[in-house]
C-alpha atoms as a PDB file:
ATOM      1  CA  UNK A   1       1.083  -9.298 -30.675  1.00  0.00           C
ATOM      2  CA  UNK A   2       4.351 -10.738 -29.551  1.00  0.00           C
ATOM      3  CA  UNK A   3       4.849 -10.586 -25.833  1.00  0.00           C
ATOM      4  CA  UNK A   4       8.036 -11.089 -23.931  1.00  0.00           C
ATOM      5  CA  UNK A   5       7.904 -12.037 -20.668  1.00  0.00           C
ATOM      6  CA  UNK A   6      11.324 -10.849 -18.573  1.00  0.00           C
ATOM      7  CA  UNK A   7      12.070 -12.453 -15.390  1.00  0.00           C
ATOM      8  CA  UNK A   8      14.701 -10.183 -13.756  1.00  0.00           C
ATOM      9  CA  UNK A   9      16.961 -10.665 -10.582  1.00  0.00           C
ATOM     10  CA  UNK A  10      19.846 -12.852  -9.556  1.00  0.00           C
ATOM     11  CA  UNK A  11      19.577 -16.458  -9.014  1.00  0.00           C
ATOM     12  CA  UNK A  12      21.698 -16.837  -6.250  1.00  0.00           C
ATOM     13  CA  UNK A  13      20.440 -14.066  -3.796  1.00  0.00           C
ATOM     14  CA  UNK A  14      17.344 -15.773  -2.305  1.00  0.00           C
ATOM     15  CA  UNK A  15      13.817 -13.584  -2.907  1.00  0.00           C
ATOM     16  CA  UNK A  16      15.901 -11.646  -5.783  1.00  0.00           C
ATOM     17  CA  UNK A  17      15.489 -14.615  -7.836  1.00  0.00           C
ATOM     18  CA  UNK A  18      11.558 -14.522  -7.670  1.00  0.00           C
ATOM     19  CA  UNK A  19      11.326 -12.697 -10.934  1.00  0.00           C
ATOM     20  CA  UNK A  20      13.268 -15.787 -12.692  1.00  0.00           C
ATOM     21  CA  UNK A  21      11.276 -18.570 -10.937  1.00  0.00           C
ATOM     22  CA  UNK A  22       8.252 -16.988 -11.998  1.00  0.00           C
ATOM     23  CA  UNK A  23       9.420 -15.975 -15.422  1.00  0.00           C
ATOM     24  CA  UNK A  24       9.934 -20.002 -15.564  1.00  0.00           C
ATOM     25  CA  UNK A  25       6.671 -21.104 -14.475  1.00  0.00           C
ATOM     26  CA  UNK A  26       4.959 -18.772 -16.924  1.00  0.00           C
ATOM     27  CA  UNK A  27       6.773 -20.226 -19.750  1.00  0.00           C
ATOM     28  CA  UNK A  28       5.768 -23.424 -18.702  1.00  0.00           C
ATOM     29  CA  UNK A  29       2.105 -22.177 -18.733  1.00  0.00           C
ATOM     30  CA  UNK A  30       2.397 -20.616 -22.239  1.00  0.00           C
ATOM     31  CA  UNK A  31       4.771 -23.467 -23.540  1.00  0.00           C
ATOM     32  CA  UNK A  32       3.655 -23.677 -27.272  1.00  0.00           C
ATOM     33  CA  UNK A  33       2.222 -20.418 -27.778  1.00  0.00           C
ATOM     34  CA  UNK A  34       3.815 -18.574 -30.519  1.00  0.00           C
ATOM     35  CA  UNK A  35       3.059 -15.242 -29.283  1.00  0.00           C
ATOM     36  CA  UNK A  36       4.414 -15.093 -25.999  1.00  0.00           C
ATOM     37  CA  UNK A  37       8.255 -15.793 -25.262  1.00  0.00           C
ATOM     38  CA  UNK A  38      10.273 -15.792 -21.951  1.00  0.00           C
ATOM     39  CA  UNK A  39      13.641 -14.635 -21.033  1.00  0.00           C
ATOM     40  CA  UNK A  40      15.384 -13.658 -17.884  1.00  0.00           C
ATOM     41  CA  UNK A  41      18.002 -11.317 -16.998  1.00  0.00           C
ATOM     42  CA  UNK A  42      20.430 -10.979 -14.159  1.00  0.00           C
ATOM     43  CA  UNK A  43      22.091  -8.091 -15.370  1.00  0.00           C
ATOM     44  CA  UNK A  44      20.167  -4.969 -16.048  1.00  0.00           C
ATOM     45  CA  UNK A  45      21.419  -1.917 -17.561  1.00  0.00           C
ATOM     46  CA  UNK A  46      21.237  -1.750 -21.356  1.00  0.00           C
ATOM     47  CA  UNK A  47      20.718  -5.646 -21.630  1.00  0.00           C
ATOM     48  CA  UNK A  48      17.301  -4.761 -20.958  1.00  0.00           C
ATOM     49  CA  UNK A  49      17.082  -2.850 -24.182  1.00  0.00           C
ATOM     50  CA  UNK A  50      18.493  -5.899 -26.138  1.00  0.00           C
ATOM     51  CA  UNK A  51      16.002  -8.188 -24.642  1.00  0.00           C
ATOM     52  CA  UNK A  52      13.048  -5.966 -25.671  1.00  0.00           C
ATOM     53  CA  UNK A  53      13.899  -5.064 -29.003  1.00  0.00           C
ATOM     54  CA  UNK A  54      11.015  -6.344 -31.686  1.00  0.00           C
ATOM     55  CA  UNK A  55       8.444  -7.073 -29.158  1.00  0.00           C
ATOM     56  CA  UNK A  56       5.004  -5.158 -29.191  1.00  0.00           C
ATOM     57  CA  UNK A  57       4.596  -5.834 -25.355  1.00  0.00           C
ATOM     58  CA  UNK A  58       6.733  -6.523 -22.510  1.00  0.00           C
ATOM     59  CA  UNK A  59       6.126  -7.883 -19.162  1.00  0.00           C
ATOM     60  CA  UNK A  60       8.559  -7.375 -16.643  1.00  0.00           C
ATOM     61  CA  UNK A  61       8.770  -9.727 -13.454  1.00  0.00           C
ATOM     62  CA  UNK A  62      11.004  -8.420 -10.728  1.00  0.00           C
ATOM     63  CA  UNK A  63      11.464  -8.108  -6.893  1.00  0.00           C
ATOM     64  CA  UNK A  64      10.775  -5.004  -4.906  1.00  0.00           C
ATOM     65  CA  UNK A  65      12.042  -4.888  -1.313  1.00  0.00           C
ATOM     66  CA  UNK A  66       9.202  -3.492   0.782  1.00  0.00           C
ATOM     67  CA  UNK A  67       7.086  -3.614   3.736  1.00  0.00           C
ATOM     68  CA  UNK A  68       4.401  -5.337   2.186  1.00  0.00           C
ATOM     69  CA  UNK A  69       3.532  -8.796   2.549  1.00  0.00           C
ATOM     70  CA  UNK A  70       6.134 -11.082   1.062  1.00  0.00           C
ATOM     71  CA  UNK A  71       4.793 -12.354  -2.261  1.00  0.00           C
ATOM     72  CA  UNK A  72       2.337  -9.358  -2.819  1.00  0.00           C
ATOM     73  CA  UNK A  73       2.123  -8.149  -6.544  1.00  0.00           C
ATOM     74  CA  UNK A  74       1.953  -4.446  -7.321  1.00  0.00           C
ATOM     75  CA  UNK A  75       1.464  -3.378 -11.054  1.00  0.00           C
ATOM     76  CA  UNK A  76       3.077  -0.588 -12.758  1.00  0.00           C
ATOM     77  CA  UNK A  77       3.339   0.569 -16.050  1.00  0.00           C
ATOM     78  CA  UNK A  78       6.383   2.522 -17.654  1.00  0.00           C
ATOM     79  CA  UNK A  79       5.088   5.712 -16.953  1.00  0.00           C
ATOM     80  CA  UNK A  80       5.087   5.431 -13.270  1.00  0.00           C
ATOM     81  CA  UNK A  81       9.228   5.056 -13.663  1.00  0.00           C
ATOM     82  CA  UNK A  82      10.802   8.160 -14.285  1.00  0.00           C
ATOM     83  CA  UNK A  83      13.760   8.271 -16.968  1.00  0.00           C
ATOM     84  CA  UNK A  84      17.124   8.163 -14.917  1.00  0.00           C
ATOM     85  CA  UNK A  85      19.156  11.727 -15.704  1.00  0.00           C
ATOM     86  CA  UNK A  86      22.481  10.354 -14.425  1.00  0.00           C
ATOM     87  CA  UNK A  87      23.872   7.312 -13.674  1.00  0.00           C
ATOM     88  CA  UNK A  88      27.357   6.326 -12.487  1.00  0.00           C
ATOM     89  CA  UNK A  89      27.509   3.364 -14.720  1.00  0.00           C
ATOM     90  CA  UNK A  90      25.613   1.651 -17.361  1.00  0.00           C
ATOM     91  CA  UNK A  91      24.344  -0.431 -15.117  1.00  0.00           C
ATOM     92  CA  UNK A  92      22.278   2.309 -13.350  1.00  0.00           C
ATOM     93  CA  UNK A  93      20.076   2.816 -16.016  1.00  0.00           C
ATOM     94  CA  UNK A  94      16.475   1.637 -15.541  1.00  0.00           C
ATOM     95  CA  UNK A  95      14.192   0.178 -17.771  1.00  0.00           C
ATOM     96  CA  UNK A  96      12.369   3.410 -18.765  1.00  0.00           C
ATOM     97  CA  UNK A  97      15.741   4.981 -19.366  1.00  0.00           C
ATOM     98  CA  UNK A  98      16.919   2.185 -21.638  1.00  0.00           C
ATOM     99  CA  UNK A  99      13.558   1.961 -23.553  1.00  0.00           C
ATOM    100  CA  UNK A 100      13.703   5.673 -24.157  1.00  0.00           C
ATOM    101  CA  UNK A 101      17.083   5.346 -25.566  1.00  0.00           C
ATOM    102  CA  UNK A 102      15.823   2.632 -27.797  1.00  0.00           C
ATOM    103  CA  UNK A 103      13.015   4.706 -29.286  1.00  0.00           C
ATOM    104  CA  UNK A 104      15.415   7.656 -29.967  1.00  0.00           C
ATOM    105  CA  UNK A 105      17.914   5.270 -31.684  1.00  0.00           C
ATOM    106  CA  UNK A 106      14.877   4.244 -33.900  1.00  0.00           C
ATOM    107  CA  UNK A 107      14.809   0.968 -32.533  1.00  0.00           C
ATOM    108  CA  UNK A 108      11.403  -1.059 -32.330  1.00  0.00           C
ATOM    109  CA  UNK A 109      10.762  -1.326 -28.851  1.00  0.00           C
ATOM    110  CA  UNK A 110       7.449  -1.772 -27.077  1.00  0.00           C
ATOM    111  CA  UNK A 111       5.091   0.821 -26.009  1.00  0.00           C
ATOM    112  CA  UNK A 112       2.926  -1.606 -23.951  1.00  0.00           C
ATOM    113  CA  UNK A 113       5.166  -2.100 -21.013  1.00  0.00           C
ATOM    114  CA  UNK A 114       4.196  -3.570 -17.616  1.00  0.00           C
ATOM    115  CA  UNK A 115       6.238  -4.288 -14.580  1.00  0.00           C
ATOM    116  CA  UNK A 116       4.972  -6.654 -11.937  1.00  0.00           C
ATOM    117  CA  UNK A 117       6.893  -5.847  -8.635  1.00  0.00           C
ATOM    118  CA  UNK A 118       6.867  -8.789  -6.296  1.00  0.00           C
ATOM    119  CA  UNK A 119       7.424  -7.650  -2.789  1.00  0.00           C
ATOM    120  CA  UNK A 120      10.144  -9.449  -0.874  1.00  0.00           C
ATOM    121  CA  UNK A 121      12.372  -8.634   2.106  1.00  0.00           C
ATOM    122  CA  UNK A 122      15.513 -10.831   1.572  1.00  0.00           C
ATOM    123  CA  UNK A 123      17.484 -10.059  -1.337  1.00  0.00           C
ATOM    124  CA  UNK A 124      20.991  -9.986   0.254  1.00  0.00           C
ATOM    125  CA  UNK A 125      21.675 -13.410   1.335  1.00  0.00           C
ATOM    126  CA  UNK A 126      23.526 -15.939  -0.716  1.00  0.00           C
ATOM    127  CA  UNK A 127      21.085 -18.638  -1.497  1.00  0.00           C
ATOM    128  CA  UNK A 128      19.691 -20.335  -4.475  1.00  0.00           C
ATOM    129  CA  UNK A 129      15.996 -21.013  -3.018  1.00  0.00           C
ATOM    130  CA  UNK A 130      13.324 -18.494  -2.377  1.00  0.00           C
ATOM    131  CA  UNK A 131      12.370 -17.978   1.267  1.00  0.00           C
ATOM    132  CA  UNK A 132       9.174 -20.017   2.276  1.00  0.00           C
ATOM    133  CA  UNK A 133       7.174 -16.713   2.273  1.00  0.00           C
ATOM    134  CA  UNK A 134       7.727 -15.814  -1.104  1.00  0.00           C
ATOM    135  CA  UNK A 135       7.931 -19.822  -2.444  1.00  0.00           C
ATOM    136  CA  UNK A 136       4.524 -20.300  -0.756  1.00  0.00           C
ATOM    137  CA  UNK A 137       2.919 -17.376  -3.000  1.00  0.00           C
ATOM    138  CA  UNK A 138       4.572 -18.624  -6.504  1.00  0.00           C
ATOM    139  CA  UNK A 139       1.649 -20.210  -7.810  1.00  0.00           C
ATOM    140  CA  UNK A 140      -0.677 -17.148  -6.813  1.00  0.00           C
ATOM    141  CA  UNK A 141       1.947 -14.657  -8.517  1.00  0.00           C
ATOM    142  CA  UNK A 142       1.999 -16.626 -11.689  1.00  0.00           C
ATOM    143  CA  UNK A 143      -1.992 -16.973 -12.042  1.00  0.00           C
ATOM    144  CA  UNK A 144      -1.891 -13.141 -11.646  1.00  0.00           C
ATOM    145  CA  UNK A 145       0.363 -12.332 -14.325  1.00  0.00           C
ATOM    146  CA  UNK A 146      -0.975 -15.120 -16.578  1.00  0.00           C
ATOM    147  CA  UNK A 147      -4.382 -14.182 -16.524  1.00  0.00           C
ATOM    148  CA  UNK A 148      -3.523 -10.531 -17.284  1.00  0.00           C
ATOM    149  CA  UNK A 149      -1.398 -11.779 -20.397  1.00  0.00           C
ATOM    150  CA  UNK A 150      -4.398 -13.767 -21.415  1.00  0.00           C
ATOM    151  CA  UNK A 151      -6.472 -10.458 -20.918  1.00  0.00           C
ATOM    152  CA  UNK A 152      -4.356  -8.598 -23.128  1.00  0.00           C
ATOM    153  CA  UNK A 153      -3.376  -6.259 -20.443  1.00  0.00           C
ATOM    154  CA  UNK A 154      -3.938  -2.482 -20.405  1.00  0.00           C
ATOM    155  CA  UNK A 155      -2.118   0.571 -19.613  1.00  0.00           C
ATOM    156  CA  UNK A 156      -3.411   1.581 -16.356  1.00  0.00           C
ATOM    157  CA  UNK A 157      -1.137   2.317 -13.380  1.00  0.00           C
ATOM    158  CA  UNK A 158      -0.714   0.834 -10.135  1.00  0.00           C
ATOM    159  CA  UNK A 159      -3.111  -1.541  -8.602  1.00  0.00           C
END
């Protein structure tokens, strides 16, 4: 089974980079494994589809702004997200929408999709470092996600 770990975010907006940082650490963890590949995406929209083509499993890591404790991990599956019916631009399409589009075009996109949302509060401030609250949780986040990848994951919804 070919797995893509996709870190999403902006490397210049403090905690919005948590998906990119965690993906990098997971890359170190899975270095040398031929069945796990790492990618990062700072654009969204249809570029998410380009990343996912040809994989059996997609593991997305991204920041979510919430009142939860910074660094808390919430696990979702693709079915937890609605397909976007209308969007003002191609960048407005979410992951569920672009993968469904790919399926309808006959592209080989993964059915096994897990999204790990990392709770953050600061995504509007320019900065190339995570806030201390989120940075202090990165190792735990990596362990949580790596454990699921090593187990093979499942199609169950949020924790």
